[in-house]
Amino acid sequence: MAGAGDVLVCDAMNATEQGMFGDVMAS
């Protein structure tokens, strides 16, 4: 849904023992 120029801000409830975003999503 996000558009050009947006910064995705994801509240993951401080769950850090997870890899919720990777290189495919980055591309």
mmCIF file of all heavy atoms, coordinates in Angstrom:
data_MODEL
# 
_entry.id   MODEL 
# 
loop_
_atom_site.group_PDB 
_atom_site.id 
_atom_site.type_symbol 
_atom_site.label_atom_id 
_atom_site.label_alt_id 
_atom_site.label_comp_id 
_atom_site.label_asym_id 
_atom_site.label_entity_id 
_atom_site.label_seq_id 
_atom_site.pdbx_PDB_ins_code 
_atom_site.Cartn_x 
_atom_site.Cartn_y 
_atom_site.Cartn_z 
_atom_site.occupancy 
_atom_site.B_iso_or_equiv 
_atom_site.pdbx_formal_charge 
_atom_site.auth_seq_id 
_atom_site.auth_comp_id 
_atom_site.auth_asym_id 
_atom_site.auth_atom_id 
_atom_site.pdbx_PDB_model_num 
ATOM 1   N N   . MET A 1 1  ? 0.800  -1.222  0.000  1.00 0.00 ? 1  MET A N   1 
ATOM 2   C CA  . MET A 1 1  ? 0.000  0.000   0.000  1.00 0.00 ? 1  MET A CA  1 
ATOM 3   C C   . MET A 1 1  ? 0.833  1.272   0.000  1.00 0.00 ? 1  MET A C   1 
ATOM 4   O O   . MET A 1 1  ? 0.368  2.319   -0.461 1.00 0.00 ? 1  MET A O   1 
ATOM 5   C CB  . MET A 1 1  ? -0.916 -0.001  1.224  1.00 0.00 ? 1  MET A CB  1 
ATOM 6   C CG  . MET A 1 1  ? -1.932 -1.116  1.225  1.00 0.00 ? 1  MET A CG  1 
ATOM 7   S SD  . MET A 1 1  ? -2.777 -1.293  2.835  1.00 0.00 ? 1  MET A SD  1 
ATOM 8   C CE  . MET A 1 1  ? -3.610 0.285   2.942  1.00 0.00 ? 1  MET A CE  1 
ATOM 9   N N   . ALA A 1 2  ? 2.044  1.242   0.529  1.00 0.00 ? 2  ALA A N   1 
ATOM 10  C CA  . ALA A 1 2  ? 2.869  2.439   0.656  1.00 0.00 ? 2  ALA A CA  1 
ATOM 11  C C   . ALA A 1 2  ? 3.258  2.973   -0.711 1.00 0.00 ? 2  ALA A C   1 
ATOM 12  O O   . ALA A 1 2  ? 3.355  2.226   -1.694 1.00 0.00 ? 2  ALA A O   1 
ATOM 13  C CB  . ALA A 1 2  ? 4.097  2.137   1.495  1.00 0.00 ? 2  ALA A CB  1 
ATOM 14  N N   . GLY A 1 3  ? 3.510  4.283   -0.747 1.00 0.00 ? 3  GLY A N   1 
ATOM 15  C CA  . GLY A 1 3  ? 3.856  4.920   -2.009 1.00 0.00 ? 3  GLY A CA  1 
ATOM 16  C C   . GLY A 1 3  ? 5.277  5.442   -2.026 1.00 0.00 ? 3  GLY A C   1 
ATOM 17  O O   . GLY A 1 3  ? 6.012  5.369   -1.030 1.00 0.00 ? 3  GLY A O   1 
ATOM 18  N N   . ALA A 1 4  ? 5.656  5.991   -3.168 1.00 0.00 ? 4  ALA A N   1 
ATOM 19  C CA  . ALA A 1 4  ? 6.992  6.555   -3.322 1.00 0.00 ? 4  ALA A CA  1 
ATOM 20  C C   . ALA A 1 4  ? 7.236  7.635   -2.275 1.00 0.00 ? 4  ALA A C   1 
ATOM 21  O O   . ALA A 1 4  ? 6.373  8.483   -2.024 1.00 0.00 ? 4  ALA A O   1 
ATOM 22  C CB  . ALA A 1 4  ? 7.152  7.129   -4.724 1.00 0.00 ? 4  ALA A CB  1 
ATOM 23  N N   . GLY A 1 5  ? 8.407  7.575   -1.646 1.00 0.00 ? 5  GLY A N   1 
ATOM 24  C CA  . GLY A 1 5  ? 8.765  8.562   -0.640 1.00 0.00 ? 5  GLY A CA  1 
ATOM 25  C C   . GLY A 1 5  ? 8.334  8.222   0.769  1.00 0.00 ? 5  GLY A C   1 
ATOM 26  O O   . GLY A 1 5  ? 8.725  8.912   1.717  1.00 0.00 ? 5  GLY A O   1 
ATOM 27  N N   . ASP A 1 6  ? 7.537  7.165   0.925  1.00 0.00 ? 6  ASP A N   1 
ATOM 28  C CA  . ASP A 1 6  ? 7.112  6.753   2.266  1.00 0.00 ? 6  ASP A CA  1 
ATOM 29  C C   . ASP A 1 6  ? 8.231  5.979   2.966  1.00 0.00 ? 6  ASP A C   1 
ATOM 30  O O   . ASP A 1 6  ? 9.026  5.287   2.326  1.00 0.00 ? 6  ASP A O   1 
ATOM 31  C CB  . ASP A 1 6  ? 5.879  5.855   2.201  1.00 0.00 ? 6  ASP A CB  1 
ATOM 32  C CG  . ASP A 1 6  ? 4.612  6.609   1.860  1.00 0.00 ? 6  ASP A CG  1 
ATOM 33  O OD1 . ASP A 1 6  ? 4.604  7.846   1.985  1.00 0.00 ? 6  ASP A OD1 1 
ATOM 34  O OD2 . ASP A 1 6  ? 3.629  5.962   1.452  1.00 0.00 ? 6  ASP A OD2 1 
ATOM 35  N N   . VAL A 1 7  ? 8.258  6.093   4.285  1.00 0.00 ? 7  VAL A N   1 
ATOM 36  C CA  . VAL A 1 7  ? 9.093  5.237   5.121  1.00 0.00 ? 7  VAL A CA  1 
ATOM 37  C C   . VAL A 1 7  ? 8.177  4.265   5.841  1.00 0.00 ? 7  VAL A C   1 
ATOM 38  O O   . VAL A 1 7  ? 7.267  4.679   6.568  1.00 0.00 ? 7  VAL A O   1 
ATOM 39  C CB  . VAL A 1 7  ? 9.895  6.052   6.157  1.00 0.00 ? 7  VAL A CB  1 
ATOM 40  C CG1 . VAL A 1 7  ? 10.618 5.128   7.137  1.00 0.00 ? 7  VAL A CG1 1 
ATOM 41  C CG2 . VAL A 1 7  ? 10.901 6.963   5.463  1.00 0.00 ? 7  VAL A CG2 1 
ATOM 42  N N   . LEU A 1 8  ? 8.382  2.973   5.622  1.00 0.00 ? 8  LEU A N   1 
ATOM 43  C CA  . LEU A 1 8  ? 7.623  1.964   6.350  1.00 0.00 ? 8  LEU A CA  1 
ATOM 44  C C   . LEU A 1 8  ? 8.052  1.974   7.808  1.00 0.00 ? 8  LEU A C   1 
ATOM 45  O O   . LEU A 1 8  ? 9.240  1.834   8.110  1.00 0.00 ? 8  LEU A O   1 
ATOM 46  C CB  . LEU A 1 8  ? 7.863  0.581   5.751  1.00 0.00 ? 8  LEU A CB  1 
ATOM 47  C CG  . LEU A 1 8  ? 7.337  0.345   4.333  1.00 0.00 ? 8  LEU A CG  1 
ATOM 48  C CD1 . LEU A 1 8  ? 7.865  -0.986  3.802  1.00 0.00 ? 8  LEU A CD1 1 
ATOM 49  C CD2 . LEU A 1 8  ? 5.820  0.366   4.303  1.00 0.00 ? 8  LEU A CD2 1 
ATOM 50  N N   . VAL A 1 9  ? 7.101  2.162   8.698  1.00 0.00 ? 9  VAL A N   1 
ATOM 51  C CA  . VAL A 1 9  ? 7.376  2.143   10.135 1.00 0.00 ? 9  VAL A CA  1 
ATOM 52  C C   . VAL A 1 9  ? 6.592  0.984   10.717 1.00 0.00 ? 9  VAL A C   1 
ATOM 53  O O   . VAL A 1 9  ? 5.356  1.035   10.808 1.00 0.00 ? 9  VAL A O   1 
ATOM 54  C CB  . VAL A 1 9  ? 6.973  3.468   10.809 1.00 0.00 ? 9  VAL A CB  1 
ATOM 55  C CG1 . VAL A 1 9  ? 7.228  3.395   12.316 1.00 0.00 ? 9  VAL A CG1 1 
ATOM 56  C CG2 . VAL A 1 9  ? 7.734  4.635   10.195 1.00 0.00 ? 9  VAL A CG2 1 
ATOM 57  N N   . CYS A 1 10 ? 7.300  -0.082  11.097 1.00 0.00 ? 10 CYS A N   1 
ATOM 58  C CA  . CYS A 1 10 ? 6.643  -1.305  11.553 1.00 0.00 ? 10 CYS A CA  1 
ATOM 59  C C   . CYS A 1 10 ? 6.862  -1.516  13.046 1.00 0.00 ? 10 CYS A C   1 
ATOM 60  O O   . CYS A 1 10 ? 7.983  -1.760  13.492 1.00 0.00 ? 10 CYS A O   1 
ATOM 61  C CB  . CYS A 1 10 ? 7.168  -2.508  10.784 1.00 0.00 ? 10 CYS A CB  1 
ATOM 62  S SG  . CYS A 1 10 ? 6.404  -4.063  11.303 1.00 0.00 ? 10 CYS A SG  1 
ATOM 63  N N   . ASP A 1 11 ? 5.768  -1.421  13.795 1.00 0.00 ? 11 ASP A N   1 
ATOM 64  C CA  . ASP A 1 11 ? 5.800  -1.770  15.215 1.00 0.00 ? 11 ASP A CA  1 
ATOM 65  C C   . ASP A 1 11 ? 5.655  -3.281  15.320 1.00 0.00 ? 11 ASP A C   1 
ATOM 66  O O   . ASP A 1 11 ? 4.590  -3.845  15.100 1.00 0.00 ? 11 ASP A O   1 
ATOM 67  C CB  . ASP A 1 11 ? 4.655  -1.068  15.944 1.00 0.00 ? 11 ASP A CB  1 
ATOM 68  C CG  . ASP A 1 11 ? 4.623  -1.389  17.430 1.00 0.00 ? 11 ASP A CG  1 
ATOM 69  O OD1 . ASP A 1 11 ? 5.508  -2.139  17.906 1.00 0.00 ? 11 ASP A OD1 1 
ATOM 70  O OD2 . ASP A 1 11 ? 3.711  -0.891  18.117 1.00 0.00 ? 11 ASP A OD2 1 
ATOM 71  N N   . ALA A 1 12 ? 6.767  -3.937  15.641 1.00 0.00 ? 12 ALA A N   1 
ATOM 72  C CA  . ALA A 1 12 ? 6.783  -5.398  15.774 1.00 0.00 ? 12 ALA A CA  1 
ATOM 73  C C   . ALA A 1 12 ? 6.639  -5.825  17.225 1.00 0.00 ? 12 ALA A C   1 
ATOM 74  O O   . ALA A 1 12 ? 6.974  -6.958  17.579 1.00 0.00 ? 12 ALA A O   1 
ATOM 75  C CB  . ALA A 1 12 ? 8.070  -5.964  15.187 1.00 0.00 ? 12 ALA A CB  1 
ATOM 76  N N   . MET A 1 13 ? 6.139  -4.897  18.057 1.00 0.00 ? 13 MET A N   1 
ATOM 77  C CA  . MET A 1 13 ? 5.948  -5.164  19.481 1.00 0.00 ? 13 MET A CA  1 
ATOM 78  C C   . MET A 1 13 ? 7.259  -5.589  20.152 1.00 0.00 ? 13 MET A C   1 
ATOM 79  O O   . MET A 1 13 ? 7.277  -6.415  21.072 1.00 0.00 ? 13 MET A O   1 
ATOM 80  C CB  . MET A 1 13 ? 4.856  -6.220  19.698 1.00 0.00 ? 13 MET A CB  1 
ATOM 81  C CG  . MET A 1 13 ? 3.515  -5.825  19.115 1.00 0.00 ? 13 MET A CG  1 
ATOM 82  S SD  . MET A 1 13 ? 2.216  -7.027  19.519 1.00 0.00 ? 13 MET A SD  1 
ATOM 83  C CE  . MET A 1 13 ? 0.823  -6.307  18.640 1.00 0.00 ? 13 MET A CE  1 
ATOM 84  N N   . ASN A 1 14 ? 8.366  -5.012  19.643 1.00 0.00 ? 14 ASN A N   1 
ATOM 85  C CA  . ASN A 1 14 ? 9.699  -5.243  20.212 1.00 0.00 ? 14 ASN A CA  1 
ATOM 86  C C   . ASN A 1 14 ? 10.139 -6.704  20.137 1.00 0.00 ? 14 ASN A C   1 
ATOM 87  O O   . ASN A 1 14 ? 11.007 -7.137  20.903 1.00 0.00 ? 14 ASN A O   1 
ATOM 88  C CB  . ASN A 1 14 ? 9.774  -4.732  21.650 1.00 0.00 ? 14 ASN A CB  1 
ATOM 89  C CG  . ASN A 1 14 ? 9.574  -3.238  21.741 1.00 0.00 ? 14 ASN A CG  1 
ATOM 90  O OD1 . ASN A 1 14 ? 10.319 -2.469  21.143 1.00 0.00 ? 14 ASN A OD1 1 
ATOM 91  N ND2 . ASN A 1 14 ? 8.546  -2.809  22.463 1.00 0.00 ? 14 ASN A ND2 1 
ATOM 92  N N   . ALA A 1 15 ? 9.559  -7.457  19.207 1.00 0.00 ? 15 ALA A N   1 
ATOM 93  C CA  . ALA A 1 15 ? 9.957  -8.857  19.023 1.00 0.00 ? 15 ALA A CA  1 
ATOM 94  C C   . ALA A 1 15 ? 11.187 -8.890  18.115 1.00 0.00 ? 15 ALA A C   1 
ATOM 95  O O   . ALA A 1 15 ? 11.061 -8.738  16.896 1.00 0.00 ? 15 ALA A O   1 
ATOM 96  C CB  . ALA A 1 15 ? 8.814  -9.659  18.422 1.00 0.00 ? 15 ALA A CB  1 
ATOM 97  N N   . THR A 1 16 ? 12.342 -9.066  18.701 1.00 0.00 ? 16 THR A N   1 
ATOM 98  C CA  . THR A 1 16 ? 13.583 -8.974  17.936 1.00 0.00 ? 16 THR A CA  1 
ATOM 99  C C   . THR A 1 16 ? 14.135 -10.321 17.500 1.00 0.00 ? 16 THR A C   1 
ATOM 100 O O   . THR A 1 16 ? 15.016 -10.370 16.639 1.00 0.00 ? 16 THR A O   1 
ATOM 101 C CB  . THR A 1 16 ? 14.658 -8.244  18.757 1.00 0.00 ? 16 THR A CB  1 
ATOM 102 O OG1 . THR A 1 16 ? 14.833 -8.920  20.011 1.00 0.00 ? 16 THR A OG1 1 
ATOM 103 C CG2 . THR A 1 16 ? 14.257 -6.801  19.020 1.00 0.00 ? 16 THR A CG2 1 
ATOM 104 N N   . GLU A 1 17 ? 13.652 -11.431 18.067 1.00 0.00 ? 17 GLU A N   1 
ATOM 105 C CA  . GLU A 1 17 ? 14.139 -12.753 17.663 1.00 0.00 ? 17 GLU A CA  1 
ATOM 106 C C   . GLU A 1 17 ? 13.334 -13.261 16.477 1.00 0.00 ? 17 GLU A C   1 
ATOM 107 O O   . GLU A 1 17 ? 12.685 -14.312 16.522 1.00 0.00 ? 17 GLU A O   1 
ATOM 108 C CB  . GLU A 1 17 ? 14.062 -13.716 18.847 1.00 0.00 ? 17 GLU A CB  1 
ATOM 109 C CG  . GLU A 1 17 ? 15.123 -13.457 19.904 1.00 0.00 ? 17 GLU A CG  1 
ATOM 110 C CD  . GLU A 1 17 ? 16.533 -13.598 19.340 1.00 0.00 ? 17 GLU A CD  1 
ATOM 111 O OE1 . GLU A 1 17 ? 16.839 -14.645 18.735 1.00 0.00 ? 17 GLU A OE1 1 
ATOM 112 O OE2 . GLU A 1 17 ? 17.322 -12.647 19.485 1.00 0.00 ? 17 GLU A OE2 1 
ATOM 113 N N   . GLN A 1 18 ? 13.373 -12.479 15.399 1.00 0.00 ? 18 GLN A N   1 
ATOM 114 C CA  . GLN A 1 18 ? 12.665 -12.820 14.184 1.00 0.00 ? 18 GLN A CA  1 
ATOM 115 C C   . GLN A 1 18 ? 13.279 -12.025 13.044 1.00 0.00 ? 18 GLN A C   1 
ATOM 116 O O   . GLN A 1 18 ? 13.817 -10.942 13.248 1.00 0.00 ? 18 GLN A O   1 
ATOM 117 C CB  . GLN A 1 18 ? 11.172 -12.465 14.295 1.00 0.00 ? 18 GLN A CB  1 
ATOM 118 C CG  . GLN A 1 18 ? 10.923 -10.983 14.577 1.00 0.00 ? 18 GLN A CG  1 
ATOM 119 C CD  . GLN A 1 18 ? 9.454  -10.648 14.723 1.00 0.00 ? 18 GLN A CD  1 
ATOM 120 O OE1 . GLN A 1 18 ? 8.620  -11.497 14.959 1.00 0.00 ? 18 GLN A OE1 1 
ATOM 121 N NE2 . GLN A 1 18 ? 9.129  -9.373  14.559 1.00 0.00 ? 18 GLN A NE2 1 
ATOM 122 N N   . GLY A 1 19 ? 13.220 -12.582 11.847 1.00 0.00 ? 19 GLY A N   1 
ATOM 123 C CA  . GLY A 1 19 ? 13.646 -11.867 10.653 1.00 0.00 ? 19 GLY A CA  1 
ATOM 124 C C   . GLY A 1 19 ? 12.430 -11.579 9.799  1.00 0.00 ? 19 GLY A C   1 
ATOM 125 O O   . GLY A 1 19 ? 12.117 -12.304 8.867  1.00 0.00 ? 19 GLY A O   1 
ATOM 126 N N   . MET A 1 20 ? 11.722 -10.493 10.117 1.00 0.00 ? 20 MET A N   1 
ATOM 127 C CA  . MET A 1 20 ? 10.426 -10.222 9.501  1.00 0.00 ? 20 MET A CA  1 
ATOM 128 C C   . MET A 1 20 ? 10.527 -9.490  8.167  1.00 0.00 ? 20 MET A C   1 
ATOM 129 O O   . MET A 1 20 ? 9.525  -9.308  7.474  1.00 0.00 ? 20 MET A O   1 
ATOM 130 C CB  . MET A 1 20 ? 9.562  -9.421  10.465 1.00 0.00 ? 20 MET A CB  1 
ATOM 131 C CG  . MET A 1 20 ? 10.102 -8.047  10.784 1.00 0.00 ? 20 MET A CG  1 
ATOM 132 S SD  . MET A 1 20 ? 9.125  -7.237  12.064 1.00 0.00 ? 20 MET A SD  1 
ATOM 133 C CE  . MET A 1 20 ? 7.490  -7.320  11.347 1.00 0.00 ? 20 MET A CE  1 
ATOM 134 N N   . PHE A 1 21 ? 11.724 -9.078  7.793  1.00 0.00 ? 21 PHE A N   1 
ATOM 135 C CA  . PHE A 1 21 ? 11.944 -8.344  6.544  1.00 0.00 ? 21 PHE A CA  1 
ATOM 136 C C   . PHE A 1 21 ? 13.288 -8.787  5.999  1.00 0.00 ? 21 PHE A C   1 
ATOM 137 O O   . PHE A 1 21 ? 14.277 -8.831  6.737  1.00 0.00 ? 21 PHE A O   1 
ATOM 138 C CB  . PHE A 1 21 ? 11.940 -6.837  6.816  1.00 0.00 ? 21 PHE A CB  1 
ATOM 139 C CG  . PHE A 1 21 ? 12.031 -5.969  5.594  1.00 0.00 ? 21 PHE A CG  1 
ATOM 140 C CD1 . PHE A 1 21 ? 10.897 -5.475  4.983  1.00 0.00 ? 21 PHE A CD1 1 
ATOM 141 C CD2 . PHE A 1 21 ? 13.268 -5.623  5.067  1.00 0.00 ? 21 PHE A CD2 1 
ATOM 142 C CE1 . PHE A 1 21 ? 10.983 -4.659  3.862  1.00 0.00 ? 21 PHE A CE1 1 
ATOM 143 C CE2 . PHE A 1 21 ? 13.361 -4.807  3.942  1.00 0.00 ? 21 PHE A CE2 1 
ATOM 144 C CZ  . PHE A 1 21 ? 12.217 -4.318  3.339  1.00 0.00 ? 21 PHE A CZ  1 
ATOM 145 N N   . GLY A 1 22 ? 13.323 -9.132  4.692  1.00 0.00 ? 22 GLY A N   1 
ATOM 146 C CA  . GLY A 1 22 ? 14.562 -9.610  4.108  1.00 0.00 ? 22 GLY A CA  1 
ATOM 147 C C   . GLY A 1 22 ? 14.840 -8.993  2.755  1.00 0.00 ? 22 GLY A C   1 
ATOM 148 O O   . GLY A 1 22 ? 14.209 -7.996  2.356  1.00 0.00 ? 22 GLY A O   1 
ATOM 149 N N   . ASP A 1 23 ? 15.782 -9.592  2.017  1.00 0.00 ? 23 ASP A N   1 
ATOM 150 C CA  . ASP A 1 23 ? 16.247 -8.980  0.780  1.00 0.00 ? 23 ASP A CA  1 
ATOM 151 C C   . ASP A 1 23 ? 15.195 -8.956  -0.324 1.00 0.00 ? 23 ASP A C   1 
ATOM 152 O O   . ASP A 1 23 ? 15.170 -8.024  -1.140 1.00 0.00 ? 23 ASP A O   1 
ATOM 153 C CB  . ASP A 1 23 ? 17.527 -9.652  0.296  1.00 0.00 ? 23 ASP A CB  1 
ATOM 154 C CG  . ASP A 1 23 ? 17.429 -11.167 0.192  1.00 0.00 ? 23 ASP A CG  1 
ATOM 155 O OD1 . ASP A 1 23 ? 16.324 -11.718 0.364  1.00 0.00 ? 23 ASP A OD1 1 
ATOM 156 O OD2 . ASP A 1 23 ? 18.479 -11.793 -0.046 1.00 0.00 ? 23 ASP A OD2 1 
ATOM 157 N N   . VAL A 1 24 ? 14.293 -9.942  -0.359 1.00 0.00 ? 24 VAL A N   1 
ATOM 158 C CA  . VAL A 1 24 ? 13.249 -9.927  -1.391 1.00 0.00 ? 24 VAL A CA  1 
ATOM 159 C C   . VAL A 1 24 ? 12.301 -8.747  -1.174 1.00 0.00 ? 24 VAL A C   1 
ATOM 160 O O   . VAL A 1 24 ? 11.968 -8.011  -2.121 1.00 0.00 ? 24 VAL A O   1 
ATOM 161 C CB  . VAL A 1 24 ? 12.462 -11.256 -1.392 1.00 0.00 ? 24 VAL A CB  1 
ATOM 162 C CG1 . VAL A 1 24 ? 11.286 -11.180 -2.355 1.00 0.00 ? 24 VAL A CG1 1 
ATOM 163 C CG2 . VAL A 1 24 ? 13.379 -12.418 -1.771 1.00 0.00 ? 24 VAL A CG2 1 
ATOM 164 N N   . MET A 1 25 ? 11.883 -8.542  0.067  1.00 0.00 ? 25 MET A N   1 
ATOM 165 C CA  . MET A 1 25 ? 11.015 -7.405  0.377  1.00 0.00 ? 25 MET A CA  1 
ATOM 166 C C   . MET A 1 25 ? 11.756 -6.091  0.137  1.00 0.00 ? 25 MET A C   1 
ATOM 167 O O   . MET A 1 25 ? 11.165 -5.098  -0.308 1.00 0.00 ? 25 MET A O   1 
ATOM 168 C CB  . MET A 1 25 ? 10.512 -7.494  1.815  1.00 0.00 ? 25 MET A CB  1 
ATOM 169 C CG  . MET A 1 25 ? 9.614  -8.691  2.080  1.00 0.00 ? 25 MET A CG  1 
ATOM 170 S SD  . MET A 1 25 ? 9.103  -8.830  3.812  1.00 0.00 ? 25 MET A SD  1 
ATOM 171 C CE  . MET A 1 25 ? 7.857  -7.538  3.908  1.00 0.00 ? 25 MET A CE  1 
ATOM 172 N N   . ALA A 1 26 ? 13.055 -6.071  0.433  1.00 0.00 ? 26 ALA A N   1 
ATOM 173 C CA  . ALA A 1 26 ? 13.846 -4.857  0.208  1.00 0.00 ? 26 ALA A CA  1 
ATOM 174 C C   . ALA A 1 26 ? 13.889 -4.512  -1.276 1.00 0.00 ? 26 ALA A C   1 
ATOM 175 O O   . ALA A 1 26 ? 13.770 -3.343  -1.666 1.00 0.00 ? 26 ALA A O   1 
ATOM 176 C CB  . ALA A 1 26 ? 15.258 -5.045  0.756  1.00 0.00 ? 26 ALA A CB  1 
ATOM 177 N N   . SER A 1 27 ? 14.050 -5.522  -2.128 1.00 0.00 ? 27 SER A N   1 
ATOM 178 C CA  . SER A 1 27 ? 14.059 -5.288  -3.573 1.00 0.00 ? 27 SER A CA  1 
ATOM 179 C C   . SER A 1 27 ? 12.712 -4.750  -4.047 1.00 0.00 ? 27 SER A C   1 
ATOM 180 O O   . SER A 1 27 ? 12.645 -3.835  -4.884 1.00 0.00 ? 27 SER A O   1 
ATOM 181 C CB  . SER A 1 27 ? 14.394 -6.583  -4.312 1.00 0.00 ? 27 SER A CB  1 
ATOM 182 O OG  . SER A 1 27 ? 15.706 -7.014  -4.020 1.00 0.00 ? 27 SER A OG  1 
# 
